[in-house]
Amino acid sequence: QVQLVESGGGLVQPGGSARLSCAASGIIFSILNMGWFRQAPGNERELVATITSGGRTNYADSVKGRFTISRDNAKKMVYLQMNSLKPEDTAAYYCQAVSVPTVSTYWGQGTQVTVSS
């Protein structure tokens, strides 16, 4: 059974930083393309950043230069380093995994990030 568990959310002041972590289990991590998505109240879920099994990254324009996605295949972890946070970054952040061979998609339960003074 594939499980994705996010952690690291919370209340952050504008201009501050936070790091989200996503732990994967139940699947061979190296065959997964990983991503972070977010959803604010009343909005659709949107892509934040992705990283392929080979390490290639992609970012939404709204977070380029501020957020960094990375992965540790040995630990089966993916991270999202978020710097220069803005109130508009407030959302529930979700970890996504996509199996390269089967294109099966998995989601974590989400972690809330609130950027406010």
C-alpha atoms as a PDB file:
ATOM      1  CA  GLN A   1       0.000   0.000   0.000  1.00  0.00           C
ATOM      2  CA  VAL A   2       1.473   3.318  -1.074  1.00  0.00           C
ATOM      3  CA  GLN A   3       1.539   6.013   1.579  1.00  0.00           C
ATOM      4  CA  LEU A   4       2.669   9.617   1.384  1.00  0.00           C
ATOM      5  CA  VAL A   5       2.929  11.545   4.645  1.00  0.00           C
ATOM      6  CA  GLU A   6       3.611  15.274   4.634  1.00  0.00           C
ATOM      7  CA  SER A   7       5.016  17.284   7.508  1.00  0.00           C
ATOM      8  CA  GLY A   8       6.476  20.699   8.174  1.00  0.00           C
ATOM      9  CA  GLY A   9       3.517  23.021   7.751  1.00  0.00           C
ATOM     10  CA  GLY A  10       2.457  25.693  10.195  1.00  0.00           C
ATOM     11  CA  LEU A  11       2.246  29.422  10.747  1.00  0.00           C
ATOM     12  CA  VAL A  12       5.009  31.479   9.142  1.00  0.00           C
ATOM     13  CA  GLN A  13       5.507  35.231   9.030  1.00  0.00           C
ATOM     14  CA  PRO A  14       5.683  36.981   5.670  1.00  0.00           C
ATOM     15  CA  GLY A  15       9.213  36.871   4.363  1.00  0.00           C
ATOM     16  CA  GLY A  16       9.956  33.788   6.406  1.00  0.00           C
ATOM     17  CA  SER A  17      10.900  30.264   5.407  1.00  0.00           C
ATOM     18  CA  ALA A  18       9.559  26.773   5.900  1.00  0.00           C
ATOM     19  CA  ARG A  19      10.474  23.310   4.693  1.00  0.00           C
ATOM     20  CA  LEU A  20       7.913  20.679   3.868  1.00  0.00           C
ATOM     21  CA  SER A  21       8.784  17.003   3.864  1.00  0.00           C
ATOM     22  CA  CYS A  22       7.012  14.058   2.293  1.00  0.00           C
ATOM     23  CA  ALA A  23       7.827  10.488   3.289  1.00  0.00           C
ATOM     24  CA  ALA A  24       6.917   7.735   0.851  1.00  0.00           C
ATOM     25  CA  SER A  25       6.414   4.082   1.673  1.00  0.00           C
ATOM     26  CA  GLY A  26       5.038   0.976   0.018  1.00  0.00           C
ATOM     27  CA  ILE A  27       6.642   1.548  -3.367  1.00  0.00           C
ATOM     28  CA  ILE A  28      10.045   1.741  -5.026  1.00  0.00           C
ATOM     29  CA  PHE A  29      10.801   5.428  -4.618  1.00  0.00           C
ATOM     30  CA  SER A  30      13.253   5.742  -7.498  1.00  0.00           C
ATOM     31  CA  ILE A  31      10.530   5.047 -10.084  1.00  0.00           C
ATOM     32  CA  LEU A  32       8.382   7.922  -8.879  1.00  0.00           C
ATOM     33  CA  ASN A  33       8.058  11.388 -10.264  1.00  0.00           C
ATOM     34  CA  MET A  34       7.232  13.549  -7.252  1.00  0.00           C
ATOM     35  CA  GLY A  35       5.458  16.847  -6.896  1.00  0.00           C
ATOM     36  CA  TRP A  36       4.012  19.404  -4.548  1.00  0.00           C
ATOM     37  CA  PHE A  37       0.598  20.934  -5.147  1.00  0.00           C
ATOM     38  CA  ARG A  38      -1.377  23.412  -3.097  1.00  0.00           C
ATOM     39  CA  GLN A  39      -4.989  24.376  -2.643  1.00  0.00           C
ATOM     40  CA  ALA A  40      -6.293  27.523  -1.017  1.00  0.00           C
ATOM     41  CA  PRO A  41      -9.932  27.797   0.139  1.00  0.00           C
ATOM     42  CA  GLY A  42     -12.203  28.389  -2.830  1.00  0.00           C
ATOM     43  CA  ASN A  43      -9.438  27.655  -5.333  1.00  0.00           C
ATOM     44  CA  GLU A  44      -8.535  24.649  -7.423  1.00  0.00           C
ATOM     45  CA  ARG A  45      -5.507  22.560  -6.554  1.00  0.00           C
ATOM     46  CA  GLU A  46      -2.504  23.915  -8.409  1.00  0.00           C
ATOM     47  CA  LEU A  47       0.962  22.653  -9.207  1.00  0.00           C
ATOM     48  CA  VAL A  48       3.787  24.150  -7.167  1.00  0.00           C
ATOM     49  CA  ALA A  49       6.825  22.117  -8.185  1.00  0.00           C
ATOM     50  CA  THR A  50       7.755  18.731  -9.574  1.00  0.00           C
ATOM     51  CA  ILE A  51      10.877  16.610  -9.672  1.00  0.00           C
ATOM     52  CA  THR A  52      11.324  13.613 -11.937  1.00  0.00           C
ATOM     53  CA  SER A  53      12.869  10.305 -10.993  1.00  0.00           C
ATOM     54  CA  GLY A  54      15.999  11.604 -12.720  1.00  0.00           C
ATOM     55  CA  GLY A  55      16.053  14.856 -10.750  1.00  0.00           C
ATOM     56  CA  ARG A  56      14.726  17.282 -13.338  1.00  0.00           C
ATOM     57  CA  THR A  57      12.674  20.050 -11.695  1.00  0.00           C
ATOM     58  CA  ASN A  58       9.815  22.278 -12.757  1.00  0.00           C
ATOM     59  CA  TYR A  59       8.196  25.193 -10.906  1.00  0.00           C
ATOM     60  CA  ALA A  60       5.087  27.294 -11.116  1.00  0.00           C
ATOM     61  CA  ASP A  61       5.919  30.854 -12.145  1.00  0.00           C
ATOM     62  CA  SER A  62       4.551  32.145  -8.854  1.00  0.00           C
ATOM     63  CA  VAL A  63       7.206  30.312  -6.827  1.00  0.00           C
ATOM     64  CA  LYS A  64      10.240  30.380  -9.123  1.00  0.00           C
ATOM     65  CA  GLY A  65      13.282  31.705  -7.326  1.00  0.00           C
ATOM     66  CA  ARG A  66      11.655  31.262  -3.907  1.00  0.00           C
ATOM     67  CA  PHE A  67      10.873  27.554  -3.629  1.00  0.00           C
ATOM     68  CA  THR A  68      13.166  24.581  -4.182  1.00  0.00           C
ATOM     69  CA  ILE A  69      12.076  20.978  -4.573  1.00  0.00           C
ATOM     70  CA  SER A  70      14.516  18.165  -3.851  1.00  0.00           C
ATOM     71  CA  ARG A  71      14.493  14.453  -3.204  1.00  0.00           C
ATOM     72  CA  ASP A  72      16.504  11.870  -1.310  1.00  0.00           C
ATOM     73  CA  ASN A  73      15.986   8.485  -2.933  1.00  0.00           C
ATOM     74  CA  ALA A  74      17.810   6.617  -0.171  1.00  0.00           C
ATOM     75  CA  LYS A  75      15.452   8.036   2.463  1.00  0.00           C
ATOM     76  CA  LYS A  76      12.380   7.954   0.178  1.00  0.00           C
ATOM     77  CA  MET A  77      11.790  11.625   0.897  1.00  0.00           C
ATOM     78  CA  VAL A  78      10.893  14.691  -1.116  1.00  0.00           C
ATOM     79  CA  TYR A  79      11.250  18.211   0.232  1.00  0.00           C
ATOM     80  CA  LEU A  80       9.969  21.666  -0.572  1.00  0.00           C
ATOM     81  CA  GLN A  81      12.099  24.513   0.737  1.00  0.00           C
ATOM     82  CA  MET A  82      10.025  27.674   0.748  1.00  0.00           C
ATOM     83  CA  ASN A  83      11.702  31.055   1.177  1.00  0.00           C
ATOM     84  CA  SER A  84      10.418  34.622   1.042  1.00  0.00           C
ATOM     85  CA  LEU A  85       6.936  33.405   1.845  1.00  0.00           C
ATOM     86  CA  LYS A  86       3.988  35.615   0.996  1.00  0.00           C
ATOM     87  CA  PRO A  87       0.415  35.629   2.352  1.00  0.00           C
ATOM     88  CA  GLU A  88      -0.745  34.336  -1.020  1.00  0.00           C
ATOM     89  CA  ASP A  89       1.290  31.173  -0.429  1.00  0.00           C
ATOM     90  CA  THR A  90      -1.195  30.247   2.287  1.00  0.00           C
ATOM     91  CA  ALA A  91      -2.743  26.913   1.349  1.00  0.00           C
ATOM     92  CA  ALA A  92      -2.908  23.230   2.085  1.00  0.00           C
ATOM     93  CA  TYR A  93       0.133  21.644   0.462  1.00  0.00           C
ATOM     94  CA  TYR A  94      -0.114  18.145  -0.945  1.00  0.00           C
ATOM     95  CA  CYS A  95       2.583  15.686  -1.930  1.00  0.00           C
ATOM     96  CA  GLN A  96       1.979  13.758  -5.148  1.00  0.00           C
ATOM     97  CA  ALA A  97       3.718  10.685  -6.502  1.00  0.00           C
ATOM     98  CA  VAL A  98       3.356   9.330 -10.024  1.00  0.00           C
ATOM     99  CA  SER A  99       4.702   5.906 -10.888  1.00  0.00           C
ATOM    100  CA  VAL A 100       6.709   6.179 -14.094  1.00  0.00           C
ATOM    101  CA  PRO A 101       5.913   2.651 -15.364  1.00  0.00           C
ATOM    102  CA  THR A 102       2.187   2.613 -14.573  1.00  0.00           C
ATOM    103  CA  VAL A 103       1.308   6.336 -14.330  1.00  0.00           C
ATOM    104  CA  SER A 104      -0.578   5.543 -11.130  1.00  0.00           C
ATOM    105  CA  THR A 105      -1.003   8.667  -9.024  1.00  0.00           C
ATOM    106  CA  TYR A 106      -0.879   8.900  -5.255  1.00  0.00           C
ATOM    107  CA  TRP A 107      -1.580  11.778  -2.870  1.00  0.00           C
ATOM    108  CA  GLY A 108      -0.709  12.609   0.691  1.00  0.00           C
ATOM    109  CA  GLN A 109      -3.213  13.947   3.196  1.00  0.00           C
ATOM    110  CA  GLY A 110      -1.874  17.508   3.010  1.00  0.00           C
ATOM    111  CA  THR A 111      -0.230  19.924   5.412  1.00  0.00           C
ATOM    112  CA  GLN A 112      -1.387  23.473   6.066  1.00  0.00           C
ATOM    113  CA  VAL A 113       0.918  26.435   5.532  1.00  0.00           C
ATOM    114  CA  THR A 114      -0.351  29.794   6.748  1.00  0.00           C
ATOM    115  CA  VAL A 115       1.664  32.922   6.013  1.00  0.00           C
ATOM    116  CA  SER A 116       0.515  35.715   8.264  1.00  0.00           C
ATOM    117  CA  SER A 117       1.838  38.288  10.708  1.00  0.00           C
END
